[in-house]
């Protein structure tokens, strides 16, 4: 399909070359750029999506547990066993724009567990703050997930208890 699309896009240049006898070097450069974009950009987009999914931390808040899913590995923290949990995620600043690829992600974040009903997520990137108590309304039976992206791929996510 990509090759078909590339041929459709390059046909005007082919006709221009045939009828106007343009320089073959200029024609080759244009054609190369078109095929480079069509063949290289989709795999790059797929790689970035794969990297985001496989370098993430999901926090599921349900009942009396906080479930940490760190790069696919589960760790369950009982809320009645702890008073405070702090999760720090650190990432290079020059990749800050990547966070917009995932709708519910923060690049710099610290999570504070205040009580069994709420915890606060602070984004150090732009001082965003949202308190989950506004979503839970004091109830602990509502399932919520927060997702964090680790970038670049292979970078570790650190959390302390």
Protein backbone atom coordinates (compact mmCIF):
# COMPACT_ATOMS: atom_id res chain seq x y z
CA UNK A 1 0.00 0.00 0.00
CA UNK A 2 2.85 2.36 0.84
CA UNK A 3 4.52 1.65 -2.48
CA UNK A 4 1.24 2.30 -4.29
CA UNK A 5 0.87 5.58 -2.43
CA UNK A 6 4.46 6.48 -3.27
CA UNK A 7 3.88 5.78 -6.95
CA UNK A 8 0.74 7.93 -6.95
CA UNK A 9 2.59 10.81 -5.33
CA UNK A 10 5.61 10.50 -7.61
CA UNK A 11 3.65 10.25 -10.90
CA UNK A 12 3.38 14.05 -11.32
CA UNK A 13 7.16 14.30 -10.99
CA UNK A 14 7.63 11.52 -13.57
CA UNK A 15 5.38 13.30 -16.07
CA UNK A 16 7.11 16.60 -15.34
CA UNK A 17 10.47 14.98 -16.06
CA UNK A 18 9.25 13.33 -19.28
CA UNK A 19 7.49 16.35 -20.76
CA UNK A 20 9.77 19.15 -19.58
CA UNK A 21 13.05 17.23 -19.74
CA UNK A 22 14.16 18.26 -16.27
CA UNK A 23 17.53 17.41 -14.83
CA UNK A 24 17.67 13.71 -13.85
CA UNK A 25 19.54 14.56 -10.62
CA UNK A 26 16.74 16.84 -9.36
CA UNK A 27 14.14 14.21 -10.23
CA UNK A 28 16.05 11.49 -8.37
CA UNK A 29 16.35 13.60 -5.23
CA UNK A 30 12.61 14.32 -5.16
CA UNK A 31 11.74 10.68 -5.68
CA UNK A 32 14.20 9.57 -2.98
CA UNK A 33 12.73 11.97 -0.43
CA UNK A 34 9.18 10.76 -1.14
CA UNK A 35 10.09 7.10 -0.75
CA UNK A 36 12.20 7.80 2.35
CA UNK A 37 9.25 9.49 4.05
CA UNK A 38 6.81 6.75 3.04
CA UNK A 39 9.06 3.85 4.03
CA UNK A 40 10.80 5.20 7.16
CA UNK A 41 8.24 7.32 9.00
CA UNK A 42 5.64 4.57 9.75
CA UNK A 43 8.20 2.22 11.41
CA UNK A 44 9.50 5.14 13.49
CA UNK A 45 5.98 5.95 14.69
CA UNK A 46 5.41 2.29 15.58
CA UNK A 47 8.71 2.21 17.49
CA UNK A 48 7.80 5.26 19.57
CA UNK A 49 4.39 3.78 20.42
CA UNK A 50 6.00 0.47 21.38
CA UNK A 51 8.59 2.23 23.51
CA UNK A 52 5.93 4.18 25.39
CA UNK A 53 3.80 1.12 26.09
CA UNK A 54 6.73 -1.00 27.27
CA UNK A 55 8.38 1.64 29.45
CA UNK A 56 5.48 2.71 31.60
CA UNK A 57 4.21 2.58 35.12
CA UNK A 58 0.51 2.00 35.71
CA UNK A 59 -1.02 2.59 39.10
CA UNK A 60 -4.35 0.92 39.69
CA UNK A 61 -6.24 2.08 42.76
CA UNK A 62 -8.90 -0.38 43.86
CA UNK A 63 -10.36 -1.24 47.25
CA UNK A 64 -7.55 -1.22 49.84
CA UNK A 65 -4.66 -1.74 47.44
CA UNK A 66 -2.51 0.29 45.15
CA UNK A 67 -1.30 -1.96 42.39
CA UNK A 68 1.91 -0.91 40.71
CA UNK A 69 2.43 -2.33 37.25
CA UNK A 70 6.04 -1.49 36.48
CA UNK A 71 7.11 -2.47 32.96
CA UNK A 72 4.66 -5.34 33.10
CA UNK A 73 5.66 -6.53 36.62
CA UNK A 74 3.06 -6.26 39.37
CA UNK A 75 3.69 -4.98 42.85
CA UNK A 76 0.76 -4.60 45.22
CA UNK A 77 0.97 -2.16 48.11
CA UNK A 78 -1.60 -2.50 50.91
CA UNK A 79 -2.93 0.86 52.00
CA UNK A 80 -3.45 -0.21 55.60
CA UNK A 81 0.24 -1.11 55.90
CA UNK A 82 1.62 2.27 54.88
CA UNK A 83 0.89 5.89 55.57
CA UNK A 84 2.84 7.43 52.75
CA UNK A 85 4.05 6.27 49.38
CA UNK A 86 6.20 8.38 47.14
CA UNK A 87 6.92 7.45 43.55
CA UNK A 88 9.47 9.52 41.70
CA UNK A 89 9.87 9.36 37.95
CA UNK A 90 12.79 11.16 36.37
CA UNK A 91 13.31 11.74 32.68
CA UNK A 92 15.52 13.92 30.49
CA UNK A 93 14.05 17.36 29.93
CA UNK A 94 14.71 17.42 26.19
CA UNK A 95 12.13 14.66 25.69
CA UNK A 96 9.39 16.59 27.48
CA UNK A 97 7.25 16.86 24.34
CA UNK A 98 6.85 13.09 24.15
CA UNK A 99 4.32 13.12 26.99
CA UNK A 100 1.63 14.43 24.70
CA UNK A 101 1.59 11.12 22.81
CA UNK A 102 -0.15 9.50 25.80
CA UNK A 103 -3.18 11.35 27.07
CA UNK A 104 -2.88 10.55 30.76
CA UNK A 105 0.88 10.66 31.19
CA UNK A 106 3.25 12.89 33.06
CA UNK A 107 6.96 12.91 32.53
CA UNK A 108 8.02 14.28 35.87
CA UNK A 109 5.81 13.09 38.66
CA UNK A 110 5.73 12.50 42.38
CA UNK A 111 2.83 10.60 43.88
CA UNK A 112 1.90 11.13 47.50
CA UNK A 113 -0.55 8.83 49.23
CA UNK A 114 -2.39 10.91 51.82
CA UNK A 115 -5.01 8.46 53.08
CA UNK A 116 -6.99 5.42 52.06
CA UNK A 117 -9.21 7.65 49.96
CA UNK A 118 -6.82 9.85 48.08
CA UNK A 119 -3.37 10.43 46.77
CA UNK A 120 -1.92 13.37 44.94
CA UNK A 121 -0.01 13.35 41.68
CA UNK A 122 2.29 16.29 41.13
CA UNK A 123 3.85 16.84 37.75
CA UNK A 124 7.15 18.62 38.19
CA UNK A 125 7.27 19.39 34.49
CA UNK A 126 4.69 22.16 34.55
CA UNK A 127 3.54 22.10 38.19
CA UNK A 128 0.33 20.31 37.32
CA UNK A 129 -1.45 18.90 40.32
CA UNK A 130 -4.50 16.74 40.58
CA UNK A 131 -5.92 15.16 43.69
CA UNK A 132 -7.65 11.86 43.13
CA UNK A 133 -9.97 12.53 46.06
CA UNK A 134 -11.95 14.75 43.70
CA UNK A 135 -12.47 11.68 41.51
CA UNK A 136 -13.03 9.14 44.29
CA UNK A 137 -15.22 11.41 46.47
CA UNK A 138 -14.10 9.50 49.54
CA UNK A 139 -15.01 6.10 48.10
CA UNK A 140 -12.34 3.43 47.79
CA UNK A 141 -14.25 1.00 45.57
CA UNK A 142 -13.82 2.96 42.34
CA UNK A 143 -11.14 1.67 40.00
CA UNK A 144 -8.74 4.30 38.68
CA UNK A 145 -5.54 4.06 36.67
CA UNK A 146 -2.71 6.51 36.28
CA UNK A 147 -0.14 5.87 33.58
CA UNK A 148 3.39 7.22 33.44
CA UNK A 149 5.78 7.03 30.54
CA UNK A 150 9.45 6.22 30.91
CA UNK A 151 11.67 7.75 28.25
CA UNK A 152 14.10 6.92 26.66
CA UNK A 153 13.47 3.16 26.34
CA UNK A 154 15.35 1.17 28.93
CA UNK A 155 15.40 3.98 31.48
CA UNK A 156 14.40 2.69 34.91
CA UNK A 157 11.42 3.86 36.91
CA UNK A 158 12.23 4.28 40.60
CA UNK A 159 9.80 4.22 43.47
CA UNK A 160 10.32 4.22 47.23
CA UNK A 161 8.03 3.20 50.04
